[in-house]
Amino acid sequence: MEELVKLLTENNARLTTQVADQAEQIKSLNEQLAYLTKKLFGSSSEKTTNDNQLSLFEDAQVFNRRRQPKKKPSSNVSDDVKNEKV
């Protein structure tokens, strides 16, 4: 009976240590999961790393230019005659 108590006590101590180690590992894994989840899905600034990629907003002059409407060529001869008389 004393041997059984001694064996159970040793087994209990070993299992208690194992549970503590696993709890520490779980805590570490949860921290890694939180960090990686935030890094993957969290807010971030989107910066271009490719120097050859053009930005839409680099040349503001492009957006400030007004497009001049093209003059349509007249396909009707009578329209040309009317426009010349006026």
Foldseek 3Di string as FASTA:
>chain_A
DVVVVVVVVVVVVVVVVVVVVVVVVVVVVVVVVVVVCCVVPNDDDDDDPDPPDDDPPPDVVVVVDDDDDDDDDDPDPVVVVVVVVD
